[in-house]
């Protein structure tokens, strides 16, 4: 079967040694580019988490945009602007 070893939050020299020593792939989580592959938590990568661990690189900052979208949705629901006629199904006339 397909196996891999997750190497999390270890120093680069140790991650490199593990990767060189074992025959199955290593997947790093904060364990350097010496691993065969990498995992990064989506929420951290997209800037949705307040706390940023040392090993995270943010590739976006979506939190503000998501918050604005939610506020807009909530305002439209409260004012009954959503759903509008274009967002609901009408009864089909009898044939």
N, C-alpha and C. Protein backbone atom coordinates (compact mmCIF):
# COMPACT_ATOMS: atom_id res chain seq x y z
N UNK A 1 0.82 -1.19 0.00
CA UNK A 1 0.00 0.00 0.00
C UNK A 1 0.86 1.25 0.00
N UNK A 2 0.20 2.37 -0.11
CA UNK A 2 0.89 3.66 -0.12
C UNK A 2 1.00 4.18 1.31
N UNK A 3 2.21 4.40 1.74
CA UNK A 3 2.46 4.92 3.08
C UNK A 3 3.35 6.14 2.99
N UNK A 4 3.29 6.96 4.01
CA UNK A 4 4.18 8.11 4.16
C UNK A 4 4.32 8.37 5.65
N UNK A 5 5.36 9.09 6.01
CA UNK A 5 5.60 9.46 7.40
C UNK A 5 5.47 10.98 7.49
N UNK A 6 4.67 11.43 8.45
CA UNK A 6 4.54 12.87 8.70
C UNK A 6 5.62 13.27 9.68
N UNK A 7 6.38 14.28 9.30
CA UNK A 7 7.47 14.80 10.14
C UNK A 7 7.06 16.23 10.50
N UNK A 8 6.72 16.42 11.79
CA UNK A 8 6.15 17.71 12.19
C UNK A 8 7.04 18.43 13.19
N UNK A 9 7.29 19.72 12.89
CA UNK A 9 7.98 20.64 13.79
C UNK A 9 9.30 20.09 14.32
N UNK A 10 10.12 19.59 13.39
CA UNK A 10 11.47 19.15 13.77
C UNK A 10 12.49 20.00 13.02
N UNK A 11 13.68 20.07 13.54
CA UNK A 11 14.74 20.86 12.92
C UNK A 11 15.11 20.28 11.55
N UNK A 12 15.53 21.14 10.65
CA UNK A 12 15.87 20.74 9.28
C UNK A 12 16.87 19.58 9.22
N UNK A 13 17.95 19.59 10.00
CA UNK A 13 18.89 18.47 9.89
C UNK A 13 18.25 17.12 10.21
N UNK A 14 17.37 17.09 11.21
CA UNK A 14 16.70 15.84 11.55
C UNK A 14 15.72 15.43 10.46
N UNK A 15 14.97 16.39 9.93
CA UNK A 15 14.04 16.09 8.83
C UNK A 15 14.80 15.54 7.63
N UNK A 16 15.94 16.12 7.31
CA UNK A 16 16.76 15.66 6.20
C UNK A 16 17.26 14.23 6.46
N UNK A 17 17.73 13.98 7.66
CA UNK A 17 18.24 12.64 8.01
C UNK A 17 17.14 11.59 7.91
N UNK A 18 15.95 11.91 8.42
CA UNK A 18 14.84 10.97 8.33
C UNK A 18 14.51 10.69 6.86
N UNK A 19 14.43 11.75 6.06
CA UNK A 19 14.09 11.60 4.64
C UNK A 19 15.13 10.78 3.90
N UNK A 20 16.38 10.97 4.22
CA UNK A 20 17.45 10.21 3.56
C UNK A 20 17.51 8.76 4.02
N UNK A 21 17.04 8.50 5.22
CA UNK A 21 17.19 7.17 5.82
C UNK A 21 16.06 6.22 5.48
N UNK A 22 14.84 6.70 5.42
CA UNK A 22 13.73 5.78 5.19
C UNK A 22 13.38 5.73 3.70
N UNK A 23 12.71 4.65 3.31
CA UNK A 23 12.42 4.44 1.89
C UNK A 23 11.04 4.98 1.48
N UNK A 24 10.18 5.29 2.44
CA UNK A 24 8.87 5.85 2.10
C UNK A 24 8.93 7.37 2.18
N UNK A 25 8.01 8.05 1.50
CA UNK A 25 8.05 9.52 1.47
C UNK A 25 7.82 10.14 2.85
N UNK A 26 8.44 11.28 3.06
CA UNK A 26 8.19 12.07 4.27
C UNK A 26 7.37 13.30 3.87
N UNK A 27 6.41 13.62 4.72
CA UNK A 27 5.57 14.79 4.51
C UNK A 27 5.85 15.75 5.66
N UNK A 28 6.34 16.92 5.34
CA UNK A 28 6.71 17.88 6.37
C UNK A 28 5.59 18.82 6.76
N UNK A 29 5.50 19.07 8.05
CA UNK A 29 4.66 20.13 8.60
C UNK A 29 5.60 20.93 9.50
N UNK A 30 6.15 21.98 8.96
CA UNK A 30 7.12 22.77 9.72
C UNK A 30 8.41 22.02 9.94
N UNK A 31 8.80 21.20 8.96
CA UNK A 31 10.00 20.39 9.12
C UNK A 31 10.99 20.60 7.98
N UNK A 32 10.86 21.67 7.25
CA UNK A 32 11.78 22.11 6.21
C UNK A 32 11.49 21.49 4.85
N UNK A 33 12.13 22.06 3.85
CA UNK A 33 11.99 21.58 2.47
C UNK A 33 12.75 20.29 2.23
N UNK A 34 13.45 19.78 3.23
CA UNK A 34 14.18 18.52 3.09
C UNK A 34 13.23 17.33 2.98
N UNK A 35 11.97 17.51 3.35
CA UNK A 35 10.98 16.42 3.26
C UNK A 35 10.55 16.25 1.80
N UNK A 36 9.97 15.10 1.51
CA UNK A 36 9.54 14.80 0.15
C UNK A 36 8.30 15.61 -0.26
N UNK A 37 7.47 15.97 0.69
CA UNK A 37 6.26 16.74 0.41
C UNK A 37 5.95 17.63 1.59
N UNK A 38 4.92 18.45 1.44
CA UNK A 38 4.56 19.41 2.48
C UNK A 38 3.06 19.41 2.72
N UNK A 39 2.66 19.72 3.94
CA UNK A 39 1.26 19.93 4.31
C UNK A 39 1.19 21.29 5.00
N UNK A 40 0.16 22.04 4.66
CA UNK A 40 -0.08 23.31 5.32
C UNK A 40 -1.57 23.43 5.54
N UNK A 41 -1.98 23.79 6.74
CA UNK A 41 -3.39 23.91 7.07
C UNK A 41 -4.00 25.02 6.22
N UNK A 42 -5.09 24.71 5.54
CA UNK A 42 -5.71 25.64 4.62
C UNK A 42 -6.06 26.97 5.29
N UNK A 43 -6.63 26.93 6.49
CA UNK A 43 -7.01 28.15 7.18
C UNK A 43 -5.80 29.04 7.46
N UNK A 44 -4.65 28.43 7.76
CA UNK A 44 -3.43 29.20 7.99
C UNK A 44 -2.94 29.81 6.68
N UNK A 45 -2.93 29.02 5.62
CA UNK A 45 -2.44 29.46 4.32
C UNK A 45 -3.25 30.63 3.77
N UNK A 46 -4.55 30.62 4.01
CA UNK A 46 -5.43 31.63 3.44
C UNK A 46 -5.63 32.85 4.33
N UNK A 47 -4.97 32.86 5.48
CA UNK A 47 -5.08 34.02 6.37
C UNK A 47 -6.37 34.05 7.16
N UNK A 48 -6.94 32.88 7.46
CA UNK A 48 -8.18 32.82 8.22
C UNK A 48 -7.93 32.62 9.70
N UNK A 49 -6.71 32.34 10.09
CA UNK A 49 -6.36 32.10 11.49
C UNK A 49 -5.66 33.34 12.04
N UNK A 50 -6.01 33.70 13.27
CA UNK A 50 -5.33 34.82 13.90
C UNK A 50 -3.90 34.46 14.26
N UNK A 51 -3.73 33.26 14.82
CA UNK A 51 -2.40 32.79 15.22
C UNK A 51 -1.66 32.25 13.99
N UNK A 52 -0.43 32.68 13.82
CA UNK A 52 0.37 32.23 12.69
C UNK A 52 1.59 31.48 13.22
N UNK A 53 1.57 30.14 13.16
CA UNK A 53 2.75 29.39 13.61
C UNK A 53 3.98 29.75 12.78
N UNK A 54 5.14 29.54 13.32
CA UNK A 54 6.41 29.88 12.67
C UNK A 54 6.53 29.25 11.29
N UNK A 55 6.03 28.03 11.13
CA UNK A 55 6.22 27.31 9.87
C UNK A 55 5.17 27.64 8.80
N UNK A 56 4.28 28.59 9.08
CA UNK A 56 3.25 28.95 8.12
C UNK A 56 3.70 30.10 7.24
N UNK A 57 3.42 29.99 5.97
CA UNK A 57 3.55 31.12 5.06
C UNK A 57 2.14 31.40 4.56
N UNK A 58 1.69 32.62 4.75
CA UNK A 58 0.35 32.99 4.27
C UNK A 58 0.42 33.30 2.79
N UNK A 59 -0.47 32.69 2.04
CA UNK A 59 -0.56 32.93 0.61
C UNK A 59 -1.77 33.79 0.26
N UNK A 60 -2.45 34.26 1.27
CA UNK A 60 -3.60 35.12 1.07
C UNK A 60 -4.05 35.66 2.41
N UNK A 61 -4.92 36.66 2.36
CA UNK A 61 -5.52 37.19 3.58
C UNK A 61 -7.00 37.36 3.30
N UNK A 62 -7.72 36.25 3.36
CA UNK A 62 -9.12 36.22 2.98
C UNK A 62 -10.07 36.56 4.12
N UNK A 63 -9.58 36.65 5.33
CA UNK A 63 -10.45 36.85 6.48
C UNK A 63 -11.31 38.10 6.32
N UNK A 64 -10.73 39.22 5.91
CA UNK A 64 -11.48 40.47 5.79
C UNK A 64 -12.56 40.35 4.73
N UNK A 65 -12.25 39.76 3.60
CA UNK A 65 -13.23 39.59 2.52
C UNK A 65 -14.37 38.67 2.93
N UNK A 66 -14.06 37.60 3.65
CA UNK A 66 -15.09 36.68 4.12
C UNK A 66 -15.99 37.38 5.13
N UNK A 67 -15.41 38.15 6.03
CA UNK A 67 -16.20 38.87 7.02
C UNK A 67 -17.14 39.86 6.34
N UNK A 68 -16.66 40.58 5.33
CA UNK A 68 -17.52 41.53 4.61
C UNK A 68 -18.65 40.81 3.89
N UNK A 69 -18.35 39.65 3.29
CA UNK A 69 -19.38 38.88 2.59
C UNK A 69 -20.47 38.42 3.56
N UNK A 70 -20.07 37.95 4.73
CA UNK A 70 -21.04 37.50 5.74
C UNK A 70 -21.89 38.67 6.23
N UNK A 71 -21.26 39.82 6.46
CA UNK A 71 -22.02 41.00 6.89
C UNK A 71 -23.02 41.42 5.82
N UNK A 72 -22.61 41.38 4.56
CA UNK A 72 -23.51 41.73 3.46
C UNK A 72 -24.69 40.78 3.37
N UNK A 73 -24.41 39.49 3.50
CA UNK A 73 -25.47 38.48 3.49
C UNK A 73 -26.44 38.71 4.64
N UNK A 74 -25.91 38.89 5.85
CA UNK A 74 -26.76 39.08 7.03
C UNK A 74 -27.63 40.34 6.87
N UNK A 75 -27.06 41.40 6.34
CA UNK A 75 -27.82 42.65 6.14
C UNK A 75 -28.94 42.43 5.14
N UNK A 76 -28.66 41.72 4.03
CA UNK A 76 -29.68 41.45 3.03
C UNK A 76 -30.79 40.57 3.57
N UNK A 77 -30.46 39.59 4.40
CA UNK A 77 -31.48 38.73 5.00
C UNK A 77 -32.35 39.54 5.96
N UNK A 78 -31.72 40.34 6.79
CA UNK A 78 -32.47 41.15 7.76
C UNK A 78 -33.41 42.14 7.07
N UNK A 79 -32.95 42.73 5.96
CA UNK A 79 -33.77 43.71 5.24
C UNK A 79 -34.71 43.05 4.24
N UNK A 80 -34.65 41.75 4.14
CA UNK A 80 -35.47 40.95 3.22
C UNK A 80 -35.13 41.22 1.75
N UNK A 81 -33.93 41.74 1.50
CA UNK A 81 -33.47 41.91 0.12
C UNK A 81 -33.01 40.57 -0.46
N UNK A 82 -32.69 39.63 0.40
CA UNK A 82 -32.33 38.27 -0.02
C UNK A 82 -33.17 37.29 0.78
N UNK A 83 -33.73 36.31 0.14
CA UNK A 83 -33.67 36.04 -1.30
C UNK A 83 -34.63 36.93 -2.07
N UNK A 84 -34.21 37.30 -3.27
CA UNK A 84 -35.06 38.07 -4.16
C UNK A 84 -35.80 37.14 -5.11
N UNK A 85 -36.65 37.70 -5.95
CA UNK A 85 -37.42 36.88 -6.89
C UNK A 85 -36.54 36.00 -7.77
N UNK A 86 -35.37 36.49 -8.10
CA UNK A 86 -34.45 35.71 -8.95
C UNK A 86 -33.81 34.53 -8.22
N UNK A 87 -33.96 34.46 -6.89
CA UNK A 87 -33.33 33.42 -6.08
C UNK A 87 -34.31 32.37 -5.60
N UNK A 88 -35.59 32.47 -5.97
CA UNK A 88 -36.59 31.50 -5.51
C UNK A 88 -37.28 30.86 -6.70
N UNK A 89 -37.88 29.71 -6.43
CA UNK A 89 -38.61 28.97 -7.46
C UNK A 89 -40.08 29.39 -7.46
N UNK A 90 -40.63 29.56 -8.64
CA UNK A 90 -42.05 29.88 -8.79
C UNK A 90 -42.81 28.60 -9.10
N UNK A 91 -44.08 28.61 -8.82
CA UNK A 91 -44.92 27.48 -9.20
C UNK A 91 -45.06 27.46 -10.71
N UNK A 92 -45.00 26.27 -11.27
CA UNK A 92 -45.18 26.14 -12.72
C UNK A 92 -46.68 26.06 -13.01
N UNK A 93 -47.12 26.76 -14.03
CA UNK A 93 -48.55 26.72 -14.35
C UNK A 93 -48.96 25.30 -14.79
N UNK A 94 -50.20 24.94 -14.48
CA UNK A 94 -50.70 23.64 -14.90
C UNK A 94 -50.88 23.62 -16.39
N UNK A 95 -50.56 22.49 -16.95
CA UNK A 95 -50.66 22.36 -18.41
C UNK A 95 -52.08 22.11 -18.85
